[in-house]
Amino acid sequence: MTSFNRLSGLKAITLCAALSMTAGLALAADNTVSATQILNALQPKPLTRGLSMAPAPQADPAMQTQQVNFIDSVRNRKSRSLSLGEREQIAEIAATKPKIDLEIQFDFNSADISRTSMGAVQELGKALSNPGLKGSTFVVAGHTDAIGSDPFNQDLSERRADTIKRYLVEKYGLAGSDLVTVGYGRTKLKDPSNPAAPINRRVQVVNMDTKTASQ
């Protein structure tokens, strides 16, 4: 009987250990996007051929030069110094570039990164440090939900974008000139039908490099 009790106890301990490991894995499998996922999203897309096997049309070189010159003009600028026209021009260029939305939370009414989102920012730092993205210029765009006034949200989105840039420069040694920050406040909601949704509170990272990967 004693042997049976000991055997049962061992089984119970083994089961508890297995459940603890499973719970740990479940906690580890959160919604944080990995550095690999970020890297893949930001890689320039290769040129593809159509069904006719003819080369895909390439971007106008003059337009590319124009874009490069514009991005150069906003390097090392504080987010709040950008005019509305400059912010919209960045958004227009970014629309055609590789990008990823990261749900990075900040402390309430603050530009301080919350503890729960620190993992996502660290994964971003690892991805942007990858040699595969060397030489690229990135836009870090802050967005808010629609709660609060336009001026408040605009200022908050700018400060949050600058916070992400400062963290990447200080912790991962990224060049500040390669990170262009911009804030859009609540003007570009990801879910306009639900303006207060958390999905609208995000940081979008865009690879603005005009070079196109070869096929």
C-alpha atoms as a PDB file:
ATOM      1  CA  MET A   1       0.000   0.000   0.000  1.00  0.00           C
ATOM      2  CA  THR A   2       2.877   2.311   0.842  1.00  0.00           C
ATOM      3  CA  SER A   3       4.509   1.607  -2.531  1.00  0.00           C
ATOM      4  CA  PHE A   4       1.228   2.361  -4.291  1.00  0.00           C
ATOM      5  CA  ASN A   5       0.920   5.700  -2.473  1.00  0.00           C
ATOM      6  CA  ARG A   6       4.484   6.609  -3.391  1.00  0.00           C
ATOM      7  CA  LEU A   7       3.857   5.672  -7.030  1.00  0.00           C
ATOM      8  CA  SER A   8       0.688   7.746  -7.059  1.00  0.00           C
ATOM      9  CA  GLY A   9       2.572  10.639  -5.503  1.00  0.00           C
ATOM     10  CA  LEU A  10       5.279  10.451  -8.147  1.00  0.00           C
ATOM     11  CA  LYS A  11       2.672  10.422 -10.898  1.00  0.00           C
ATOM     12  CA  ALA A  12       0.973  13.435  -9.361  1.00  0.00           C
ATOM     13  CA  ILE A  13       4.273  15.328  -9.133  1.00  0.00           C
ATOM     14  CA  THR A  14       5.093  14.445 -12.748  1.00  0.00           C
ATOM     15  CA  LEU A  15       1.647  15.600 -13.884  1.00  0.00           C
ATOM     16  CA  CYS A  16       1.960  18.864 -11.957  1.00  0.00           C
ATOM     17  CA  ALA A  17       5.374  19.491 -13.473  1.00  0.00           C
ATOM     18  CA  ALA A  18       4.011  18.837 -16.954  1.00  0.00           C
ATOM     19  CA  LEU A  19       1.094  21.198 -16.356  1.00  0.00           C
ATOM     20  CA  SER A  20       3.473  23.856 -15.022  1.00  0.00           C
ATOM     21  CA  MET A  21       5.634  23.571 -18.146  1.00  0.00           C
ATOM     22  CA  THR A  22       2.543  23.815 -20.357  1.00  0.00           C
ATOM     23  CA  ALA A  23       1.360  26.889 -18.487  1.00  0.00           C
ATOM     24  CA  GLY A  24       4.798  28.457 -18.856  1.00  0.00           C
ATOM     25  CA  LEU A  25       4.767  27.847 -22.590  1.00  0.00           C
ATOM     26  CA  ALA A  26       1.303  29.333 -22.848  1.00  0.00           C
ATOM     27  CA  LEU A  27       2.440  32.462 -21.027  1.00  0.00           C
ATOM     28  CA  ALA A  28       5.504  32.710 -23.221  1.00  0.00           C
ATOM     29  CA  ALA A  29       3.385  32.443 -26.360  1.00  0.00           C
ATOM     30  CA  ASP A  30       2.014  35.977 -26.080  1.00  0.00           C
ATOM     31  CA  ASN A  31       1.157  38.331 -28.906  1.00  0.00           C
ATOM     32  CA  THR A  32       4.630  39.842 -29.211  1.00  0.00           C
ATOM     33  CA  VAL A  33       5.781  39.846 -32.815  1.00  0.00           C
ATOM     34  CA  SER A  34       9.203  38.224 -33.163  1.00  0.00           C
ATOM     35  CA  ALA A  35      12.298  39.891 -34.592  1.00  0.00           C
ATOM     36  CA  THR A  36      12.158  37.429 -37.500  1.00  0.00           C
ATOM     37  CA  GLN A  37       8.576  38.425 -38.325  1.00  0.00           C
ATOM     38  CA  ILE A  38       9.490  42.104 -38.202  1.00  0.00           C
ATOM     39  CA  LEU A  39      12.561  41.492 -40.366  1.00  0.00           C
ATOM     40  CA  ASN A  40      10.523  39.599 -42.973  1.00  0.00           C
ATOM     41  CA  ALA A  41       7.880  42.333 -43.078  1.00  0.00           C
ATOM     42  CA  LEU A  42      10.469  45.078 -43.604  1.00  0.00           C
ATOM     43  CA  GLN A  43      12.534  43.338 -46.279  1.00  0.00           C
ATOM     44  CA  PRO A  44      12.243  45.034 -49.691  1.00  0.00           C
ATOM     45  CA  LYS A  45      10.054  42.915 -51.942  1.00  0.00           C
ATOM     46  CA  PRO A  46      11.818  41.291 -54.936  1.00  0.00           C
ATOM     47  CA  LEU A  47      10.861  42.195 -58.461  1.00  0.00           C
ATOM     48  CA  THR A  48       8.476  39.641 -59.934  1.00  0.00           C
ATOM     49  CA  ARG A  49       7.580  38.750 -63.473  1.00  0.00           C
ATOM     50  CA  GLY A  50       4.057  38.648 -64.803  1.00  0.00           C
ATOM     51  CA  LEU A  51       2.443  35.820 -66.748  1.00  0.00           C
ATOM     52  CA  SER A  52       3.940  37.258 -69.935  1.00  0.00           C
ATOM     53  CA  MET A  53       7.406  36.762 -68.380  1.00  0.00           C
ATOM     54  CA  ALA A  54       8.109  40.439 -69.077  1.00  0.00           C
ATOM     55  CA  PRO A  55       9.981  42.296 -66.302  1.00  0.00           C
ATOM     56  CA  ALA A  56       7.713  44.059 -63.836  1.00  0.00           C
ATOM     57  CA  PRO A  57       7.634  47.845 -64.283  1.00  0.00           C
ATOM     58  CA  GLN A  58      10.176  49.622 -62.119  1.00  0.00           C
ATOM     59  CA  ALA A  59       9.742  52.838 -60.214  1.00  0.00           C
ATOM     60  CA  ASP A  60      10.490  56.062 -62.016  1.00  0.00           C
ATOM     61  CA  PRO A  61      14.153  56.929 -61.235  1.00  0.00           C
ATOM     62  CA  ALA A  62      13.303  60.619 -61.069  1.00  0.00           C
ATOM     63  CA  MET A  63      10.590  59.902 -58.490  1.00  0.00           C
ATOM     64  CA  GLN A  64      12.982  57.720 -56.499  1.00  0.00           C
ATOM     65  CA  THR A  65      15.534  60.531 -56.448  1.00  0.00           C
ATOM     66  CA  GLN A  66      12.822  62.926 -55.312  1.00  0.00           C
ATOM     67  CA  GLN A  67      11.843  60.612 -52.494  1.00  0.00           C
ATOM     68  CA  VAL A  68      15.447  60.146 -51.361  1.00  0.00           C
ATOM     69  CA  ASN A  69      16.001  63.902 -51.325  1.00  0.00           C
ATOM     70  CA  PHE A  70      12.849  64.462 -49.299  1.00  0.00           C
ATOM     71  CA  ILE A  71      13.711  61.780 -46.731  1.00  0.00           C
ATOM     72  CA  ASP A  72      17.190  63.295 -46.426  1.00  0.00           C
ATOM     73  CA  SER A  73      15.590  66.667 -45.704  1.00  0.00           C
ATOM     74  CA  VAL A  74      13.663  65.344 -42.685  1.00  0.00           C
ATOM     75  CA  ARG A  75      16.512  63.369 -41.102  1.00  0.00           C
ATOM     76  CA  ASN A  76      17.486  64.455 -37.597  1.00  0.00           C
ATOM     77  CA  ARG A  77      14.285  66.497 -37.315  1.00  0.00           C
ATOM     78  CA  LYS A  78      12.122  66.392 -34.210  1.00  0.00           C
ATOM     79  CA  SER A  79       8.654  65.032 -34.906  1.00  0.00           C
ATOM     80  CA  ARG A  80       6.976  68.225 -33.770  1.00  0.00           C
ATOM     81  CA  SER A  81       8.994  70.266 -36.287  1.00  0.00           C
ATOM     82  CA  LEU A  82       7.392  68.502 -39.252  1.00  0.00           C
ATOM     83  CA  SER A  83       4.657  70.439 -41.036  1.00  0.00           C
ATOM     84  CA  LEU A  84       1.326  68.884 -41.953  1.00  0.00           C
ATOM     85  CA  GLY A  85       2.466  68.779 -45.585  1.00  0.00           C
ATOM     86  CA  GLU A  86       5.668  66.945 -44.655  1.00  0.00           C
ATOM     87  CA  ARG A  87       3.765  64.437 -42.522  1.00  0.00           C
ATOM     88  CA  GLU A  88       1.405  63.709 -45.395  1.00  0.00           C
ATOM     89  CA  GLN A  89       4.298  63.362 -47.838  1.00  0.00           C
ATOM     90  CA  ILE A  90       5.927  60.801 -45.539  1.00  0.00           C
ATOM     91  CA  ALA A  91       2.641  58.896 -45.379  1.00  0.00           C
ATOM     92  CA  GLU A  92       2.303  58.956 -49.170  1.00  0.00           C
ATOM     93  CA  ILE A  93       5.782  57.497 -49.688  1.00  0.00           C
ATOM     94  CA  ALA A  94       5.329  54.988 -46.856  1.00  0.00           C
ATOM     95  CA  ALA A  95       2.147  53.619 -48.447  1.00  0.00           C
ATOM     96  CA  THR A  96       4.209  51.789 -51.082  1.00  0.00           C
ATOM     97  CA  LYS A  97       7.015  50.585 -48.773  1.00  0.00           C
ATOM     98  CA  PRO A  98       7.474  47.466 -46.603  1.00  0.00           C
ATOM     99  CA  LYS A  99       5.928  48.130 -43.200  1.00  0.00           C
ATOM    100  CA  ILE A 100       4.634  46.585 -39.999  1.00  0.00           C
ATOM    101  CA  ASP A 101       2.222  47.758 -37.299  1.00  0.00           C
ATOM    102  CA  LEU A 102       3.301  47.036 -33.730  1.00  0.00           C
ATOM    103  CA  GLU A 103       0.903  47.328 -30.811  1.00  0.00           C
ATOM    104  CA  ILE A 104       3.229  49.077 -28.395  1.00  0.00           C
ATOM    105  CA  GLN A 105       1.443  50.290 -25.288  1.00  0.00           C
ATOM    106  CA  PHE A 106       2.510  53.292 -23.241  1.00  0.00           C
ATOM    107  CA  ASP A 107       1.663  54.322 -19.715  1.00  0.00           C
ATOM    108  CA  PHE A 108      -1.617  56.233 -19.510  1.00  0.00           C
ATOM    109  CA  ASN A 109      -1.349  59.727 -21.001  1.00  0.00           C
ATOM    110  CA  SER A 110       2.405  59.213 -21.168  1.00  0.00           C
ATOM    111  CA  ALA A 111       5.215  58.582 -23.633  1.00  0.00           C
ATOM    112  CA  ASP A 112       6.796  55.987 -21.303  1.00  0.00           C
ATOM    113  CA  ILE A 113       6.794  52.473 -22.787  1.00  0.00           C
ATOM    114  CA  SER A 114       4.734  50.111 -20.628  1.00  0.00           C
ATOM    115  CA  ARG A 115       6.416  47.031 -19.145  1.00  0.00           C
ATOM    116  CA  THR A 116       4.069  44.764 -21.101  1.00  0.00           C
ATOM    117  CA  SER A 117       5.279  46.219 -24.412  1.00  0.00           C
ATOM    118  CA  MET A 118       9.002  46.261 -23.676  1.00  0.00           C
ATOM    119  CA  GLY A 119       9.389  42.844 -25.333  1.00  0.00           C
ATOM    120  CA  ALA A 120       7.928  44.144 -28.593  1.00  0.00           C
ATOM    121  CA  VAL A 121      10.319  47.106 -28.632  1.00  0.00           C
ATOM    122  CA  GLN A 122      13.265  44.810 -27.947  1.00  0.00           C
ATOM    123  CA  GLU A 123      12.245  42.538 -30.834  1.00  0.00           C
ATOM    124  CA  LEU A 124      12.064  45.636 -33.035  1.00  0.00           C
ATOM    125  CA  GLY A 125      15.578  46.594 -31.960  1.00  0.00           C
ATOM    126  CA  LYS A 126      16.896  43.144 -32.849  1.00  0.00           C
ATOM    127  CA  ALA A 127      15.224  43.255 -36.261  1.00  0.00           C
ATOM    128  CA  LEU A 128      16.477  46.718 -37.199  1.00  0.00           C
ATOM    129  CA  SER A 129      19.999  45.707 -36.115  1.00  0.00           C
ATOM    130  CA  ASN A 130      20.003  42.795 -38.572  1.00  0.00           C
ATOM    131  CA  PRO A 131      22.676  43.100 -41.313  1.00  0.00           C
ATOM    132  CA  GLY A 132      19.965  42.380 -43.893  1.00  0.00           C
ATOM    133  CA  LEU A 133      18.500  45.840 -43.256  1.00  0.00           C
ATOM    134  CA  LYS A 134      21.812  47.680 -43.127  1.00  0.00           C
ATOM    135  CA  GLY A 135      21.723  50.992 -44.996  1.00  0.00           C
ATOM    136  CA  SER A 136      17.955  51.344 -44.739  1.00  0.00           C
ATOM    137  CA  THR A 137      16.136  54.382 -43.428  1.00  0.00           C
ATOM    138  CA  PHE A 138      13.096  53.712 -41.249  1.00  0.00           C
ATOM    139  CA  VAL A 139      10.100  55.824 -40.411  1.00  0.00           C
ATOM    140  CA  VAL A 140       8.754  55.320 -36.889  1.00  0.00           C
ATOM    141  CA  ALA A 141       5.190  56.645 -36.926  1.00  0.00           C
ATOM    142  CA  GLY A 142       3.148  57.108 -33.765  1.00  0.00           C
ATOM    143  CA  HIS A 143      -0.650  56.745 -33.830  1.00  0.00           C
ATOM    144  CA  THR A 144      -3.317  57.177 -31.143  1.00  0.00           C
ATOM    145  CA  ASP A 145      -6.977  56.294 -30.793  1.00  0.00           C
ATOM    146  CA  ALA A 146      -9.652  58.981 -31.121  1.00  0.00           C
ATOM    147  CA  ILE A 147     -10.108  59.618 -27.396  1.00  0.00           C
ATOM    148  CA  GLY A 148      -9.077  63.179 -26.540  1.00  0.00           C
ATOM    149  CA  SER A 149      -8.538  66.311 -28.574  1.00  0.00           C
ATOM    150  CA  ASP A 150      -6.605  66.574 -31.834  1.00  0.00           C
ATOM    151  CA  PRO A 151      -3.769  68.703 -30.358  1.00  0.00           C
ATOM    152  CA  PHE A 152      -3.390  66.370 -27.367  1.00  0.00           C
ATOM    153  CA  ASN A 153      -3.223  63.228 -29.505  1.00  0.00           C
ATOM    154  CA  GLN A 154      -0.892  64.831 -32.030  1.00  0.00           C
ATOM    155  CA  ASP A 155       1.561  65.790 -29.296  1.00  0.00           C
ATOM    156  CA  LEU A 156       1.257  62.360 -27.639  1.00  0.00           C
ATOM    157  CA  SER A 157       1.900  60.476 -30.886  1.00  0.00           C
ATOM    158  CA  GLU A 158       4.989  62.587 -31.596  1.00  0.00           C
ATOM    159  CA  ARG A 159       6.444  62.075 -28.122  1.00  0.00           C
ATOM    160  CA  ARG A 160       5.816  58.338 -28.315  1.00  0.00           C
ATOM    161  CA  ALA A 161       7.531  58.039 -31.703  1.00  0.00           C
ATOM    162  CA  ASP A 162      10.513  59.967 -30.316  1.00  0.00           C
ATOM    163  CA  THR A 163      10.606  57.644 -27.282  1.00  0.00           C
ATOM    164  CA  ILE A 164      10.878  54.568 -29.519  1.00  0.00           C
ATOM    165  CA  LYS A 165      13.658  56.204 -31.531  1.00  0.00           C
ATOM    166  CA  ARG A 166      15.590  57.170 -28.409  1.00  0.00           C
ATOM    167  CA  TYR A 167      15.307  53.620 -27.031  1.00  0.00           C
ATOM    168  CA  LEU A 168      16.555  52.070 -30.294  1.00  0.00           C
ATOM    169  CA  VAL A 169      19.499  54.468 -30.477  1.00  0.00           C
ATOM    170  CA  GLU A 170      20.505  54.047 -26.825  1.00  0.00           C
ATOM    171  CA  LYS A 171      19.931  50.298 -26.432  1.00  0.00           C
ATOM    172  CA  TYR A 172      20.738  48.961 -29.899  1.00  0.00           C
ATOM    173  CA  GLY A 173      23.216  51.516 -31.242  1.00  0.00           C
ATOM    174  CA  LEU A 174      21.115  52.401 -34.280  1.00  0.00           C
ATOM    175  CA  ALA A 175      22.053  55.628 -36.022  1.00  0.00           C
ATOM    176  CA  GLY A 176      19.621  58.398 -35.171  1.00  0.00           C
ATOM    177  CA  SER A 177      19.844  59.708 -38.738  1.00  0.00           C
ATOM    178  CA  ASP A 178      18.426  56.381 -39.991  1.00  0.00           C
ATOM    179  CA  LEU A 179      15.255  56.773 -37.899  1.00  0.00           C
ATOM    180  CA  VAL A 180      12.736  59.397 -39.001  1.00  0.00           C
ATOM    181  CA  THR A 181       9.978  59.947 -36.455  1.00  0.00           C
ATOM    182  CA  VAL A 182       6.533  61.302 -37.227  1.00  0.00           C
ATOM    183  CA  GLY A 183       3.264  61.553 -35.308  1.00  0.00           C
ATOM    184  CA  TYR A 184      -0.209  61.300 -36.810  1.00  0.00           C
ATOM    185  CA  GLY A 185      -2.312  61.547 -33.681  1.00  0.00           C
ATOM    186  CA  ARG A 186      -5.774  60.201 -34.387  1.00  0.00           C
ATOM    187  CA  THR A 187      -5.826  61.205 -38.064  1.00  0.00           C
ATOM    188  CA  LYS A 188      -5.039  57.747 -39.492  1.00  0.00           C
ATOM    189  CA  LEU A 189      -7.065  55.244 -37.483  1.00  0.00           C
ATOM    190  CA  LYS A 190      -6.448  51.605 -38.321  1.00  0.00           C
ATOM    191  CA  ASP A 191     -10.072  50.818 -37.426  1.00  0.00           C
ATOM    192  CA  PRO A 192     -12.135  53.940 -38.241  1.00  0.00           C
ATOM    193  CA  SER A 193     -15.371  52.103 -37.406  1.00  0.00           C
ATOM    194  CA  ASN A 194     -14.167  51.680 -33.813  1.00  0.00           C
ATOM    195  CA  PRO A 195     -12.144  54.848 -33.102  1.00  0.00           C
ATOM    196  CA  ALA A 196     -11.525  54.043 -29.421  1.00  0.00           C
ATOM    197  CA  ALA A 197     -10.187  50.514 -30.106  1.00  0.00           C
ATOM    198  CA  PRO A 198      -6.699  49.629 -28.800  1.00  0.00           C
ATOM    199  CA  ILE A 199      -5.683  48.550 -32.324  1.00  0.00           C
ATOM    200  CA  ASN A 200      -5.558  52.241 -33.236  1.00  0.00           C
ATOM    201  CA  ARG A 201      -2.888  52.874 -30.564  1.00  0.00           C
ATOM    202  CA  ARG A 202       0.089  51.609 -32.503  1.00  0.00           C
ATOM    203  CA  VAL A 203       3.546  52.334 -33.794  1.00  0.00           C
ATOM    204  CA  GLN A 204       4.086  51.737 -37.498  1.00  0.00           C
ATOM    205  CA  VAL A 205       7.601  51.061 -38.754  1.00  0.00           C
ATOM    206  CA  VAL A 206       8.305  51.561 -42.469  1.00  0.00           C
ATOM    207  CA  ASN A 207      11.425  50.709 -44.458  1.00  0.00           C
ATOM    208  CA  MET A 208      11.825  53.823 -46.601  1.00  0.00           C
ATOM    209  CA  ASP A 209      14.849  52.494 -48.477  1.00  0.00           C
ATOM    210  CA  THR A 210      14.276  53.109 -52.183  1.00  0.00           C
ATOM    211  CA  LYS A 211      16.507  50.245 -53.253  1.00  0.00           C
ATOM    212  CA  THR A 212      14.572  47.242 -54.575  1.00  0.00           C
ATOM    213  CA  ALA A 213      15.731  43.713 -53.907  1.00  0.00           C
ATOM    214  CA  SER A 214      16.759  41.772 -56.980  1.00  0.00           C
ATOM    215  CA  GLN A 215      14.741  38.774 -58.067  1.00  0.00           C
END
